[in-house]
Each structure stands twice: as structure tokens, then as C-alpha cells.
Protein backbone atom coordinates (compact mmCIF):
# COMPACT_ATOMS: atom_id res chain seq x y z
CA UNK A 1 0.00 0.00 0.00
CA UNK A 2 1.25 3.50 -0.86
CA UNK A 3 0.31 6.54 1.22
CA UNK A 4 0.25 9.97 -0.39
CA UNK A 5 -0.35 13.36 1.22
CA UNK A 6 -1.80 16.05 -1.05
CA UNK A 7 -2.37 19.75 -0.40
CA UNK A 8 -4.03 22.26 -2.71
CA UNK A 9 -6.43 25.18 -2.78
CA UNK A 10 -10.00 25.10 -4.01
CA UNK A 11 -12.49 27.76 -5.07
CA UNK A 12 -15.18 26.64 -2.60
CA UNK A 13 -14.31 24.38 0.34
CA UNK A 14 -17.92 23.33 1.04
CA UNK A 15 -18.46 22.35 -2.60
CA UNK A 16 -15.19 20.40 -2.61
CA UNK A 17 -16.10 18.55 0.60
CA UNK A 18 -19.56 17.63 -0.69
CA UNK A 19 -18.29 16.33 -4.02
CA UNK A 20 -18.52 12.63 -4.86
CA UNK A 21 -16.00 12.94 -7.70
CA UNK A 22 -13.04 11.64 -5.66
CA UNK A 23 -14.84 8.41 -4.83
CA UNK A 24 -16.08 8.03 -8.42
CA UNK A 25 -12.59 8.39 -9.92
CA UNK A 26 -10.40 6.73 -7.29
CA UNK A 27 -12.70 4.13 -5.72
CA UNK A 28 -12.80 1.71 -8.67
CA UNK A 29 -8.98 1.65 -8.63
CA UNK A 30 -8.86 0.57 -4.99
CA UNK A 31 -7.79 4.03 -3.81
CA UNK A 32 -9.23 5.53 -0.62
CA UNK A 33 -9.17 9.21 0.25
CA UNK A 34 -9.55 11.06 3.57
CA UNK A 35 -10.23 14.81 3.38
CA UNK A 36 -8.92 17.64 5.56
CA UNK A 37 -9.48 21.40 5.61
CA UNK A 38 -7.29 24.15 7.01
CA UNK A 39 -9.02 26.06 9.79
CA UNK A 40 -8.15 29.52 8.46
CA UNK A 41 -10.16 30.83 5.51
CA UNK A 42 -7.62 30.52 2.71
CA UNK A 43 -9.26 27.67 0.76
CA UNK A 44 -6.45 25.17 1.44
CA UNK A 45 -7.46 21.52 1.74
CA UNK A 46 -5.62 18.24 2.06
CA UNK A 47 -6.01 14.56 1.34
CA UNK A 48 -4.50 11.40 2.70
CA UNK A 49 -4.62 8.91 -0.14
CA UNK A 50 -4.09 5.16 0.21
CA UNK A 51 -3.39 3.45 -3.10
CA UNK A 52 -2.50 -0.17 -3.87
CA UNK A 53 0.84 1.05 -5.29
CA UNK A 54 2.49 4.20 -6.65
CA UNK A 55 1.86 3.26 -10.31
CA UNK A 56 -1.88 2.98 -9.66
CA UNK A 57 -1.92 6.36 -7.94
CA UNK A 58 0.04 8.01 -10.76
CA UNK A 59 -2.25 6.53 -13.40
CA UNK A 60 -5.29 7.76 -11.47
CA UNK A 61 -4.04 11.28 -10.79
CA UNK A 62 -2.83 11.68 -14.38
CA UNK A 63 -6.06 10.50 -15.95
CA UNK A 64 -8.53 12.62 -17.90
CA UNK A 65 -11.21 11.60 -15.38
CA UNK A 66 -9.12 13.05 -12.53
CA UNK A 67 -8.54 16.28 -14.47
CA UNK A 68 -12.27 16.61 -15.09
CA UNK A 69 -13.07 15.86 -11.44
CA UNK A 70 -10.56 18.45 -10.24
CA UNK A 71 -12.05 21.05 -12.58
CA UNK A 72 -15.59 20.23 -11.42
CA UNK A 73 -14.48 20.44 -7.77
CA UNK A 74 -12.79 23.82 -8.23
CA UNK A 75 -9.27 22.56 -7.54
CA UNK A 76 -6.57 25.11 -8.33
CA UNK A 77 -4.00 22.87 -10.07
CA UNK A 78 -1.13 25.35 -9.73
CA UNK A 79 -1.32 24.96 -5.92
CA UNK A 80 -1.04 21.15 -5.92
CA UNK A 81 1.63 19.66 -3.64
CA UNK A 82 2.01 15.85 -3.59
CA UNK A 83 4.13 14.05 -0.96
CA UNK A 84 4.71 10.29 -1.11
CA UNK A 85 5.45 8.37 2.08
CA UNK A 86 8.92 6.86 2.07
């Protein structure tokens, strides 16, 4: 199992939290996601992602479906920070 920590900003935190897109894109690949929000109002959110392996995660995050989900969820791609557990 590979654990990944992701931070990024979103346009609307409540919309992002309510979205089912993460589960729709990642769930079928055996990837689970836990969501976190920063407690100051700067639209920063985080994810702890558990994937079967790094290749599966990279395929998922690089997919067209992930890009569409991020756009629908208001993710600001230029703020994306991805950390992989070592």
C-alpha cells in the first residue's frame, strides 16, 4: 500500500467537501481518500490517499477523469503539492 499526502487550494471548500468525484474516480482503482481542511479561511485543503501502489496512484491522478473531477471540484492545479510516504 502506498500513502500519499496532497495539499491544494479550491475555489469553494464546502463544494469540494460535498463532491462525490473523488470516490467516483479513485474508488474503482482501490484508492481511498480522507479529506482535511485548514481552519483559516484561505481555501487550502488536504487529502491522505491510500493506493495499492504508486503506479496505480500516478495513473489515477494523471487521468482525464481526474482532471475533469478536479475542474468540477474547483481545484486550483497550480497549488497542488504531492508528498509520497517513504
